[in-house]
PDB file of N, CA and C in Angstrom:
ATOM      1  N   MET A   1       0.842  -1.262  -0.193  1.00  0.00           N
ATOM      2  CA  MET A   1      -0.597  -0.339  -0.244  1.00  0.00           C
ATOM      3  C   MET A   1       0.776   0.844   0.340  1.00  0.00           C
ATOM      4  N   LEU A   2       0.455   2.567  -0.754  1.00  0.00           N
ATOM      5  CA  LEU A   2       0.860   4.092  -0.688  1.00  0.00           C
ATOM      6  C   LEU A   2      -0.163   4.777  -0.839  1.00  0.00           C
ATOM      7  N   LYS A   3       0.386   5.916  -0.564  1.00  0.00           N
ATOM      8  CA  LYS A   3      -0.274   6.752  -0.908  1.00  0.00           C
ATOM      9  C   LYS A   3       0.315   7.937  -1.968  1.00  0.00           C
ATOM     10  N   VAL A   4      -1.431   7.798  -2.819  1.00  0.00           N
ATOM     11  CA  VAL A   4      -1.633   9.223  -4.199  1.00  0.00           C
ATOM     12  C   VAL A   4      -2.370  10.442  -2.972  1.00  0.00           C
ATOM     13  N   ASN A   5      -1.326  11.195  -3.259  1.00  0.00           N
ATOM     14  CA  ASN A   5      -1.939  12.938  -3.339  1.00  0.00           C
ATOM     15  C   ASN A   5      -2.707  12.254  -2.291  1.00  0.00           C
ATOM     16  N   ASN A   6      -2.545  11.781  -1.138  1.00  0.00           N
ATOM     17  CA  ASN A   6      -3.166  11.591   0.484  1.00  0.00           C
ATOM     18  C   ASN A   6      -4.043  10.221   0.020  1.00  0.00           C
ATOM     19  N   VAL A   7      -4.395   9.207  -0.507  1.00  0.00           N
ATOM     20  CA  VAL A   7      -5.324   8.377  -0.475  1.00  0.00           C
ATOM     21  C   VAL A   7      -4.624   7.355  -0.960  1.00  0.00           C
ATOM     22  N   THR A   8      -4.754   6.599   0.104  1.00  0.00           N
ATOM     23  CA  THR A   8      -3.296   4.983  -0.070  1.00  0.00           C
ATOM     24  C   THR A   8      -4.789   3.768  -0.625  1.00  0.00           C
ATOM     25  N   VAL A   9      -3.195   3.433  -1.312  1.00  0.00           N
ATOM     26  CA  VAL A   9      -4.428   2.649  -2.794  1.00  0.00           C
ATOM     27  C   VAL A   9      -3.144   1.836  -2.541  1.00  0.00           C
ATOM     28  N   ARG A  10      -3.522   0.042  -3.845  1.00  0.00           N
ATOM     29  CA  ARG A  10      -3.421  -0.819  -3.766  1.00  0.00           C
ATOM     30  C   ARG A  10      -1.991  -0.540  -4.786  1.00  0.00           C
ATOM     31  N   ALA A  11      -0.992  -0.734  -4.314  1.00  0.00           N
ATOM     32  CA  ALA A  11       0.046  -0.794  -6.085  1.00  0.00           C
ATOM     33  C   ALA A  11       0.414  -2.064  -6.025  1.00  0.00           C
ATOM     34  N   LEU A  12       1.487  -1.860  -7.979  1.00  0.00           N
ATOM     35  CA  LEU A  12       2.250  -3.058  -8.149  1.00  0.00           C
ATOM     36  C   LEU A  12       3.650  -1.939  -7.444  1.00  0.00           C
ATOM     37  N   VAL A  13       4.457  -2.535  -6.455  1.00  0.00           N
ATOM     38  CA  VAL A  13       5.901  -2.519  -6.638  1.00  0.00           C
ATOM     39  C   VAL A  13       7.429  -2.753  -7.822  1.00  0.00           C
ATOM     40  N   ASP A  14       7.652  -1.878  -9.261  1.00  0.00           N
ATOM     41  CA  ASP A  14       8.222  -2.453  -9.857  1.00  0.00           C
ATOM     42  C   ASP A  14       9.175  -2.299 -10.369  1.00  0.00           C
ATOM     43  N   ALA A  15      10.926  -2.944  -9.367  1.00  0.00           N
ATOM     44  CA  ALA A  15      12.168  -2.497  -9.633  1.00  0.00           C
ATOM     45  C   ALA A  15      12.163  -2.309 -10.535  1.00  0.00           C
ATOM     46  N   GLY A  16      11.818  -2.900 -12.149  1.00  0.00           N
ATOM     47  CA  GLY A  16      12.292  -2.724 -13.065  1.00  0.00           C
ATOM     48  C   GLY A  16      10.941  -2.527 -14.623  1.00  0.00           C
ATOM     49  N   CYS A  17      10.201  -1.764 -14.199  1.00  0.00           N
ATOM     50  CA  CYS A  17       9.036  -1.213 -14.044  1.00  0.00           C
ATOM     51  C   CYS A  17      10.240   0.546 -15.119  1.00  0.00           C
ATOM     52  N   GLU A  18       9.645   0.293 -16.434  1.00  0.00           N
ATOM     53  CA  GLU A  18      10.292   1.989 -17.326  1.00  0.00           C
ATOM     54  C   GLU A  18       9.734   2.926 -16.537  1.00  0.00           C
ATOM     55  N   GLN A  19       8.139   2.540 -16.222  1.00  0.00           N
ATOM     56  CA  GLN A  19       7.167   3.588 -16.640  1.00  0.00           C
ATOM     57  C   GLN A  19       5.579   4.015 -15.864  1.00  0.00           C
ATOM     58  N   SER A  20       5.832   4.515 -14.554  1.00  0.00           N
ATOM     59  CA  SER A  20       4.900   4.266 -13.531  1.00  0.00           C
ATOM     60  C   SER A  20       3.464   4.034 -14.079  1.00  0.00           C
ATOM     61  N   VAL A  21       2.354   3.835 -14.361  1.00  0.00           N
ATOM     62  CA  VAL A  21       1.130   3.645 -14.480  1.00  0.00           C
ATOM     63  C   VAL A  21       0.485   3.985 -13.120  1.00  0.00           C
ATOM     64  N   PHE A  22      -0.957   5.023 -13.591  1.00  0.00           N
ATOM     65  CA  PHE A  22      -2.232   4.783 -12.951  1.00  0.00           C
ATOM     66  C   PHE A  22      -3.588   5.028 -13.007  1.00  0.00           C
ATOM     67  N   LEU A  23      -4.276   3.408 -13.154  1.00  0.00           N
ATOM     68  CA  LEU A  23      -5.581   3.644 -12.828  1.00  0.00           C
ATOM     69  C   LEU A  23      -5.980   4.635 -12.940  1.00  0.00           C
ATOM     70  N   GLU A  24      -6.810   4.536 -14.251  1.00  0.00           N
ATOM     71  CA  GLU A  24      -7.665   5.800 -14.864  1.00  0.00           C
ATOM     72  C   GLU A  24      -9.256   6.195 -13.235  1.00  0.00           C
ATOM     73  N   SER A  25      -9.258   4.782 -13.002  1.00  0.00           N
ATOM     74  CA  SER A  25     -10.384   5.674 -11.458  1.00  0.00           C
ATOM     75  C   SER A  25      -9.953   6.555 -10.594  1.00  0.00           C
ATOM     76  N   LEU A  26      -7.837   5.973 -10.989  1.00  0.00           N
ATOM     77  CA  LEU A  26      -7.414   6.502  -9.386  1.00  0.00           C
ATOM     78  C   LEU A  26      -7.603   7.677  -9.664  1.00  0.00           C
ATOM     79  N   CYS A  27      -7.739   8.831 -10.954  1.00  0.00           N
ATOM     80  CA  CYS A  27      -6.995   9.584 -11.640  1.00  0.00           C
ATOM     81  C   CYS A  27      -8.381  10.075 -10.890  1.00  0.00           C
ATOM     82  N   LYS A  28      -9.703   9.699 -11.162  1.00  0.00           N
ATOM     83  CA  LYS A  28     -10.541  10.052 -10.660  1.00  0.00           C
ATOM     84  C   LYS A  28     -10.875  10.653  -9.399  1.00  0.00           C
ATOM     85  N   LEU A  29     -10.603   9.876  -8.694  1.00  0.00           N
ATOM     86  CA  LEU A  29     -10.953   9.850  -7.454  1.00  0.00           C
ATOM     87  C   LEU A  29      -9.825  10.456  -6.310  1.00  0.00           C
ATOM     88  N   ILE A  30      -8.713  11.153  -6.947  1.00  0.00           N
ATOM     89  CA  ILE A  30      -7.512  11.898  -6.173  1.00  0.00           C
ATOM     90  C   ILE A  30      -8.331  13.413  -7.102  1.00  0.00           C
ATOM     91  N   GLY A  31      -9.002  13.641  -8.053  1.00  0.00           N
ATOM     92  CA  GLY A  31      -9.538  14.935  -8.631  1.00  0.00           C
ATOM     93  C   GLY A  31      -8.457  15.107  -9.910  1.00  0.00           C
ATOM     94  N   LEU A  32      -7.687  14.316  -9.894  1.00  0.00           N
ATOM     95  CA  LEU A  32      -6.373  14.327 -11.879  1.00  0.00           C
ATOM     96  C   LEU A  32      -6.864  13.871 -12.846  1.00  0.00           C
ATOM     97  N   ARG A  33      -6.859  14.982 -13.371  1.00  0.00           N
ATOM     98  CA  ARG A  33      -7.478  14.792 -15.238  1.00  0.00           C
ATOM     99  C   ARG A  33      -6.257  14.309 -16.564  1.00  0.00           C
ATOM    100  N   PRO A  34      -6.174  13.575 -16.524  1.00  0.00           N
ATOM    101  CA  PRO A  34      -4.936  13.312 -17.326  1.00  0.00           C
ATOM    102  C   PRO A  34      -5.158  14.459 -19.199  1.00  0.00           C
ATOM    103  N   GLY A  35      -2.886  13.990 -18.421  1.00  0.00           N
ATOM    104  CA  GLY A  35      -2.820  14.842 -20.150  1.00  0.00           C
ATOM    105  C   GLY A  35      -1.608  14.493 -20.297  1.00  0.00           C
ATOM    106  N   GLY A  36      -2.187  15.002 -21.817  1.00  0.00           N
ATOM    107  CA  GLY A  36      -0.641  15.512 -22.787  1.00  0.00           C
ATOM    108  C   GLY A  36      -0.786  14.179 -23.934  1.00  0.00           C
ATOM    109  N   PRO A  37       0.190  13.689 -24.367  1.00  0.00           N
ATOM    110  CA  PRO A  37      -0.514  12.775 -25.372  1.00  0.00           C
ATOM    111  C   PRO A  37      -0.426  11.019 -24.919  1.00  0.00           C
ATOM    112  N   ALA A  38      -1.534   9.950 -25.477  1.00  0.00           N
ATOM    113  CA  ALA A  38      -1.581   9.070 -24.906  1.00  0.00           C
ATOM    114  C   ALA A  38      -0.761   8.234 -25.799  1.00  0.00           C
ATOM    115  N   GLY A  39      -0.285   6.608 -25.214  1.00  0.00           N
ATOM    116  CA  GLY A  39       0.097   5.996 -25.269  1.00  0.00           C
ATOM    117  C   GLY A  39       0.402   4.423 -25.242  1.00  0.00           C
ATOM    118  N   ILE A  40       0.503   3.764 -25.411  1.00  0.00           N
ATOM    119  CA  ILE A  40       0.546   2.253 -25.159  1.00  0.00           C
ATOM    120  C   ILE A  40       1.243   2.061 -24.445  1.00  0.00           C
ATOM    121  N   VAL A  41       0.784   0.872 -23.013  1.00  0.00           N
ATOM    122  CA  VAL A  41       2.012   0.443 -22.388  1.00  0.00           C
ATOM    123  C   VAL A  41       1.603  -0.942 -22.231  1.00  0.00           C
ATOM    124  N   SER A  42       3.110  -1.870 -22.382  1.00  0.00           N
ATOM    125  CA  SER A  42       2.614  -3.366 -22.042  1.00  0.00           C
ATOM    126  C   SER A  42       3.151  -3.544 -20.626  1.00  0.00           C
ATOM    127  N   MET A  43       2.184  -4.387 -19.806  1.00  0.00           N
ATOM    128  CA  MET A  43       2.051  -4.656 -19.468  1.00  0.00           C
ATOM    129  C   MET A  43       3.092  -6.026 -18.767  1.00  0.00           C
ATOM    130  N   LEU A  44       3.297  -6.215 -17.338  1.00  0.00           N
ATOM    131  CA  LEU A  44       4.011  -7.563 -16.950  1.00  0.00           C
ATOM    132  C   LEU A  44       3.616  -9.170 -17.663  1.00  0.00           C
ATOM    133  N   ASN A  45       1.970  -8.812 -17.103  1.00  0.00           N
ATOM    134  CA  ASN A  45       1.692  -9.870 -18.352  1.00  0.00           C
ATOM    135  C   ASN A  45       1.302 -10.372 -19.260  1.00  0.00           C
ATOM    136  N   GLY A  46       1.719  -9.040 -20.318  1.00  0.00           N
ATOM    137  CA  GLY A  46       2.593  -9.420 -21.450  1.00  0.00           C
ATOM    138  C   GLY A  46       0.535  -8.631 -22.131  1.00  0.00           C
ATOM    139  N   GLU A  47      -0.329  -7.746 -21.768  1.00  0.00           N
ATOM    140  CA  GLU A  47      -0.984  -7.074 -22.233  1.00  0.00           C
ATOM    141  C   GLU A  47      -0.599  -5.872 -22.656  1.00  0.00           C
ATOM    142  N   ARG A  48      -1.409  -5.506 -22.988  1.00  0.00           N
ATOM    143  CA  ARG A  48      -1.705  -3.908 -23.805  1.00  0.00           C
ATOM    144  C   ARG A  48      -1.858  -3.304 -23.610  1.00  0.00           C
ATOM    145  N   ALA A  49      -2.739  -1.596 -22.504  1.00  0.00           N
ATOM    146  CA  ALA A  49      -3.349  -0.999 -22.482  1.00  0.00           C
ATOM    147  C   ALA A  49      -2.986  -0.218 -22.967  1.00  0.00           C
ATOM    148  N   ILE A  50      -3.372   0.893 -23.776  1.00  0.00           N
ATOM    149  CA  ILE A  50      -3.880   1.930 -24.294  1.00  0.00           C
ATOM    150  C   ILE A  50      -4.170   2.770 -23.007  1.00  0.00           C
ATOM    151  N   CYS A  51      -3.460   3.703 -23.260  1.00  0.00           N
ATOM    152  CA  CYS A  51      -2.769   5.211 -21.262  1.00  0.00           C
ATOM    153  C   CYS A  51      -3.539   6.371 -22.517  1.00  0.00           C
ATOM    154  N   SER A  52      -4.945   7.000 -21.296  1.00  0.00           N
ATOM    155  CA  SER A  52      -5.472   8.430 -22.387  1.00  0.00           C
ATOM    156  C   SER A  52      -4.324   9.944 -21.885  1.00  0.00           C
ATOM    157  N   GLY A  53      -3.007   9.750 -21.839  1.00  0.00           N
ATOM    158  CA  GLY A  53      -2.380  10.491 -21.438  1.00  0.00           C
ATOM    159  C   GLY A  53      -1.390  10.530 -19.889  1.00  0.00           C
ATOM    160  N   THR A  54      -0.882  11.129 -19.325  1.00  0.00           N
ATOM    161  CA  THR A  54      -0.279  11.266 -18.480  1.00  0.00           C
ATOM    162  C   THR A  54      -0.740  12.221 -16.969  1.00  0.00           C
ATOM    163  N   MET A  55      -0.314  12.049 -16.169  1.00  0.00           N
ATOM    164  CA  MET A  55      -0.823  12.395 -15.046  1.00  0.00           C
ATOM    165  C   MET A  55       0.525  13.028 -14.017  1.00  0.00           C
ATOM    166  N   ILE A  56       0.703  13.730 -13.225  1.00  0.00           N
ATOM    167  CA  ILE A  56       2.002  13.350 -11.872  1.00  0.00           C
ATOM    168  C   ILE A  56       1.017  14.046 -11.007  1.00  0.00           C
ATOM    169  N   ALA A  57       1.045  13.056 -10.028  1.00  0.00           N
ATOM    170  CA  ALA A  57       0.801  12.777  -9.004  1.00  0.00           C
ATOM    171  C   ALA A  57       2.251  12.447  -6.998  1.00  0.00           C
ATOM    172  N   ASP A  58       1.791  13.087  -5.690  1.00  0.00           N
ATOM    173  CA  ASP A  58       2.449  13.076  -5.427  1.00  0.00           C
ATOM    174  C   ASP A  58       2.616  11.699  -4.666  1.00  0.00           C
ATOM    175  N   VAL A  59       4.250  10.655  -4.607  1.00  0.00           N
ATOM    176  CA  VAL A  59       3.289   9.110  -3.995  1.00  0.00           C
ATOM    177  C   VAL A  59       4.488   9.411  -2.752  1.00  0.00           C
ATOM    178  N   GLY A  60       3.175   8.587  -1.817  1.00  0.00           N
ATOM    179  CA  GLY A  60       3.810   8.471  -0.079  1.00  0.00           C
ATOM    180  C   GLY A  60       4.212   7.439  -0.749  1.00  0.00           C
ATOM    181  N   ILE A  61       5.627   6.966   0.170  1.00  0.00           N
ATOM    182  CA  ILE A  61       5.341   5.233   0.621  1.00  0.00           C
ATOM    183  C   ILE A  61       6.706   5.839   2.310  1.00  0.00           C
ATOM    184  N   GLU A  62       6.081   3.851   3.524  1.00  0.00           N
ATOM    185  CA  GLU A  62       7.519   3.865   4.555  1.00  0.00           C
ATOM    186  C   GLU A  62       8.094   5.799   4.103  1.00  0.00           C
ATOM    187  N   GLY A  63       6.929   6.595   5.125  1.00  0.00           N
ATOM    188  CA  GLY A  63       7.076   7.913   4.973  1.00  0.00           C
ATOM    189  C   GLY A  63       8.250   8.945   4.301  1.00  0.00           C
ATOM    190  N   LYS A  64       8.240   8.915   3.084  1.00  0.00           N
ATOM    191  CA  LYS A  64       8.609   9.315   1.865  1.00  0.00           C
ATOM    192  C   LYS A  64       7.676  10.090   0.623  1.00  0.00           C
ATOM    193  N   SER A  65       8.208  11.135   0.566  1.00  0.00           N
ATOM    194  CA  SER A  65       6.832  10.872  -0.468  1.00  0.00           C
ATOM    195  C   SER A  65       7.264  12.436  -1.602  1.00  0.00           C
ATOM    196  N   VAL A  66       7.641  11.625  -2.946  1.00  0.00           N
ATOM    197  CA  VAL A  66       8.132  11.957  -4.190  1.00  0.00           C
ATOM    198  C   VAL A  66       6.964  12.058  -5.705  1.00  0.00           C
ATOM    199  N   GLN A  67       7.678  12.823  -5.882  1.00  0.00           N
ATOM    200  CA  GLN A  67       6.178  13.468  -6.751  1.00  0.00           C
ATOM    201  C   GLN A  67       6.011  12.371  -8.473  1.00  0.00           C
ATOM    202  N   VAL A  68       5.306  11.964  -8.820  1.00  0.00           N
ATOM    203  CA  VAL A  68       5.894  10.970  -9.425  1.00  0.00           C
ATOM    204  C   VAL A  68       4.655  11.583 -10.915  1.00  0.00           C
ATOM    205  N   ALA A  69       5.914  10.828 -12.157  1.00  0.00           N
ATOM    206  CA  ALA A  69       4.740  11.681 -13.960  1.00  0.00           C
ATOM    207  C   ALA A  69       4.976   9.725 -14.013  1.00  0.00           C
ATOM    208  N   GLY A  70       4.041  10.072 -14.876  1.00  0.00           N
ATOM    209  CA  GLY A  70       2.876   8.340 -14.494  1.00  0.00           C
ATOM    210  C   GLY A  70       2.224   8.441 -16.453  1.00  0.00           C
ATOM    211  N   LEU A  71       1.845   7.151 -17.116  1.00  0.00           N
ATOM    212  CA  LEU A  71       0.626   7.074 -17.815  1.00  0.00           C
ATOM    213  C   LEU A  71      -1.022   6.027 -17.143  1.00  0.00           C
ATOM    214  N   VAL A  72      -2.061   7.019 -17.326  1.00  0.00           N
ATOM    215  CA  VAL A  72      -3.566   6.307 -16.694  1.00  0.00           C
ATOM    216  C   VAL A  72      -3.689   5.837 -17.782  1.00  0.00           C
ATOM    217  N   ALA A  73      -4.158   4.803 -17.241  1.00  0.00           N
ATOM    218  CA  ALA A  73      -4.832   3.650 -17.770  1.00  0.00           C
ATOM    219  C   ALA A  73      -5.817   3.251 -17.633  1.00  0.00           C
ATOM    220  N   PRO A  74      -6.452   2.282 -18.550  1.00  0.00           N
ATOM    221  CA  PRO A  74      -8.119   2.160 -17.871  1.00  0.00           C
ATOM    222  C   PRO A  74      -8.251   0.857 -16.826  1.00  0.00           C
ATOM    223  N   GLY A  75      -6.842   0.032 -16.478  1.00  0.00           N
ATOM    224  CA  GLY A  75      -7.559  -1.459 -16.936  1.00  0.00           C
ATOM    225  C   GLY A  75      -5.716  -1.906 -16.142  1.00  0.00           C
ATOM    226  N   LEU A  76      -5.166  -2.888 -14.635  1.00  0.00           N
ATOM    227  CA  LEU A  76      -3.846  -3.040 -14.295  1.00  0.00           C
ATOM    228  C   LEU A  76      -3.768  -3.679 -13.472  1.00  0.00           C
ATOM    229  N   VAL A  77      -2.794  -4.354 -14.153  1.00  0.00           N
ATOM    230  CA  VAL A  77      -3.199  -6.615 -13.942  1.00  0.00           C
ATOM    231  C   VAL A  77      -2.504  -6.405 -12.195  1.00  0.00           C
ATOM    232  N   ARG A  78      -3.531  -7.521 -11.246  1.00  0.00           N
ATOM    233  CA  ARG A  78      -3.974  -7.528 -10.496  1.00  0.00           C
ATOM    234  C   ARG A  78      -4.241  -6.760  -9.521  1.00  0.00           C
ATOM    235  N   ASP A  79      -4.881  -6.902  -9.894  1.00  0.00           N
ATOM    236  CA  ASP A  79      -6.065  -5.301  -8.965  1.00  0.00           C
ATOM    237  C   ASP A  79      -5.437  -3.962  -8.055  1.00  0.00           C
ATOM    238  N   ALA A  80      -4.994  -3.639  -9.317  1.00  0.00           N
ATOM    239  CA  ALA A  80      -3.698  -2.316  -8.788  1.00  0.00           C
ATOM    240  C   ALA A  80      -4.368  -1.290  -9.649  1.00  0.00           C
ATOM    241  N   LYS A  81      -3.990  -0.471  -8.394  1.00  0.00           N
ATOM    242  CA  LYS A  81      -4.675   0.985  -8.895  1.00  0.00           C
ATOM    243  C   LYS A  81      -3.452   1.750  -9.697  1.00  0.00           C
ATOM    244  N   MET A  82      -1.766   1.567  -9.495  1.00  0.00           N
ATOM    245  CA  MET A  82      -1.597   1.841  -9.481  1.00  0.00           C
ATOM    246  C   MET A  82       0.650   1.419 -10.087  1.00  0.00           C
ATOM    247  N   ILE A  83       1.179   1.770 -10.868  1.00  0.00           N
ATOM    248  CA  ILE A  83       2.232  -0.002 -10.869  1.00  0.00           C
ATOM    249  C   ILE A  83       3.104   1.804 -10.715  1.00  0.00           C
ATOM    250  N   PHE A  84       5.003   1.233  -9.574  1.00  0.00           N
ATOM    251  CA  PHE A  84       5.196   2.391  -9.258  1.00  0.00           C
ATOM    252  C   PHE A  84       6.230   1.721  -9.046  1.00  0.00           C
TER     253      PHE A  84
END
């Protein structure tokens, strides 16, 4: 679990991840809209997701907080709200 803009969410922490990805419904929950270009991301399980753009959010884990830019996808693997 980690916090995205002070909302606790289930996240998949992937040390080999090249791009962070936020779940579209999480963006709506925290009141952020994706911007920037749309794109496609390949998920851990081999599925591809069409992303509606990008967003930047404050992400906190173990008492530390950083700003993270990520793609915005309609669905993620393992019921995660974010891949970080």
